[in-house]
């Protein structure tokens, strides 16, 4: 389930690292997306 969700996230959600976003200056909604993507990616790798 998480592998499919990770693929959907990759297509739909923005990649902030490619945009050069500084984590210390990220807005709350950006931090929420980063945390969500990290959680799903970690679960997909297990």
N, C-alpha and C. Protein backbone atom coordinates (compact mmCIF):
# COMPACT_ATOMS: atom_id res chain seq x y z
N UNK A 1 0.82 -1.19 0.00
CA UNK A 1 0.00 0.00 0.00
C UNK A 1 0.86 1.26 0.00
N UNK A 2 1.90 1.27 0.82
CA UNK A 2 2.74 2.46 0.91
C UNK A 2 3.56 2.68 -0.36
N UNK A 3 3.90 1.61 -1.05
CA UNK A 3 4.66 1.76 -2.29
C UNK A 3 3.83 2.47 -3.35
N UNK A 4 2.56 2.13 -3.43
CA UNK A 4 1.66 2.80 -4.38
C UNK A 4 1.48 4.25 -3.97
N UNK A 5 1.30 4.50 -2.68
CA UNK A 5 1.13 5.86 -2.18
C UNK A 5 2.38 6.70 -2.43
N UNK A 6 3.55 6.10 -2.31
CA UNK A 6 4.80 6.82 -2.57
C UNK A 6 4.90 7.21 -4.04
N UNK A 7 4.46 6.34 -4.94
CA UNK A 7 4.48 6.67 -6.37
C UNK A 7 3.52 7.80 -6.69
N UNK A 8 2.34 7.78 -6.07
CA UNK A 8 1.37 8.86 -6.27
C UNK A 8 1.92 10.17 -5.74
N UNK A 9 2.56 10.13 -4.58
CA UNK A 9 3.15 11.34 -4.00
C UNK A 9 4.22 11.93 -4.90
N UNK A 10 5.00 11.07 -5.50
CA UNK A 10 6.07 11.53 -6.37
C UNK A 10 5.51 12.28 -7.58
N UNK A 11 4.38 11.84 -8.06
CA UNK A 11 3.75 12.49 -9.21
C UNK A 11 3.03 13.78 -8.81
N UNK A 12 2.28 13.74 -7.72
CA UNK A 12 1.40 14.85 -7.36
C UNK A 12 2.02 15.94 -6.51
N UNK A 13 2.84 15.55 -5.54
CA UNK A 13 3.35 16.54 -4.60
C UNK A 13 4.66 17.16 -5.10
N UNK A 14 4.89 18.42 -4.76
CA UNK A 14 6.12 19.08 -5.22
C UNK A 14 7.35 18.56 -4.50
N UNK A 15 8.48 18.60 -5.19
CA UNK A 15 9.76 18.22 -4.59
C UNK A 15 10.48 19.51 -4.20
N UNK A 16 10.58 19.75 -2.91
CA UNK A 16 11.19 20.99 -2.44
C UNK A 16 12.71 20.98 -2.56
N UNK A 17 13.32 19.80 -2.60
CA UNK A 17 14.77 19.76 -2.75
C UNK A 17 15.18 20.19 -4.15
N UNK A 18 14.37 19.84 -5.14
CA UNK A 18 14.67 20.29 -6.50
C UNK A 18 14.49 21.79 -6.65
N UNK A 19 13.62 22.37 -5.82
CA UNK A 19 13.39 23.81 -5.86
C UNK A 19 14.42 24.58 -5.04
N UNK A 20 15.24 23.87 -4.28
CA UNK A 20 16.28 24.50 -3.47
C UNK A 20 15.74 25.15 -2.21
N UNK A 21 14.70 24.57 -1.63
CA UNK A 21 14.09 25.12 -0.43
C UNK A 21 14.99 24.88 0.79
N UNK A 22 15.21 25.95 1.55
CA UNK A 22 15.96 25.84 2.80
C UNK A 22 14.97 25.41 3.89
N UNK A 23 15.23 24.29 4.52
CA UNK A 23 14.30 23.72 5.51
C UNK A 23 14.04 24.70 6.66
N UNK A 24 15.06 25.44 7.06
CA UNK A 24 14.88 26.36 8.19
C UNK A 24 13.96 27.52 7.84
N UNK A 25 13.74 27.77 6.56
CA UNK A 25 12.87 28.87 6.13
C UNK A 25 11.55 28.37 5.55
N UNK A 26 11.29 27.07 5.66
CA UNK A 26 10.07 26.48 5.10
C UNK A 26 8.85 26.89 5.93
N UNK A 27 7.74 27.06 5.23
CA UNK A 27 6.47 27.38 5.90
C UNK A 27 5.90 26.11 6.49
N UNK A 28 4.89 26.27 7.35
CA UNK A 28 4.32 25.11 8.04
C UNK A 28 3.72 24.11 7.07
N UNK A 29 3.04 24.57 6.04
CA UNK A 29 2.44 23.63 5.08
C UNK A 29 3.51 22.89 4.31
N UNK A 30 4.65 23.55 4.05
CA UNK A 30 5.75 22.89 3.36
C UNK A 30 6.38 21.83 4.26
N UNK A 31 6.52 22.15 5.53
CA UNK A 31 7.07 21.19 6.49
C UNK A 31 6.14 19.98 6.64
N UNK A 32 4.83 20.22 6.58
CA UNK A 32 3.87 19.12 6.67
C UNK A 32 4.02 18.18 5.48
N UNK A 33 4.19 18.74 4.29
CA UNK A 33 4.37 17.90 3.09
C UNK A 33 5.68 17.13 3.17
N UNK A 34 6.74 17.79 3.62
CA UNK A 34 8.04 17.12 3.76
C UNK A 34 7.93 15.96 4.75
N UNK A 35 7.30 16.19 5.88
CA UNK A 35 7.14 15.14 6.88
C UNK A 35 6.29 13.99 6.39
N UNK A 36 5.21 14.30 5.68
CA UNK A 36 4.34 13.28 5.13
C UNK A 36 5.07 12.43 4.10
N UNK A 37 5.80 13.08 3.21
CA UNK A 37 6.55 12.33 2.19
C UNK A 37 7.62 11.46 2.83
N UNK A 38 8.29 11.96 3.85
CA UNK A 38 9.32 11.18 4.54
C UNK A 38 8.70 9.95 5.23
N UNK A 39 7.55 10.14 5.85
CA UNK A 39 6.86 9.03 6.53
C UNK A 39 6.47 7.95 5.54
N UNK A 40 5.85 8.36 4.43
CA UNK A 40 5.40 7.39 3.43
C UNK A 40 6.60 6.68 2.80
N UNK A 41 7.67 7.41 2.51
CA UNK A 41 8.85 6.80 1.91
C UNK A 41 9.47 5.78 2.86
N UNK A 42 9.55 6.13 4.15
CA UNK A 42 10.12 5.21 5.13
C UNK A 42 9.29 3.93 5.21
N UNK A 43 7.98 4.06 5.22
CA UNK A 43 7.10 2.90 5.29
C UNK A 43 7.18 2.06 4.01
N UNK A 44 7.35 2.71 2.86
CA UNK A 44 7.43 1.99 1.60
C UNK A 44 8.71 1.16 1.51
N UNK A 45 9.76 1.60 2.17
CA UNK A 45 11.03 0.88 2.12
C UNK A 45 11.07 -0.32 3.05
N UNK A 46 10.16 -0.38 4.00
CA UNK A 46 10.15 -1.51 4.95
C UNK A 46 9.57 -2.75 4.34
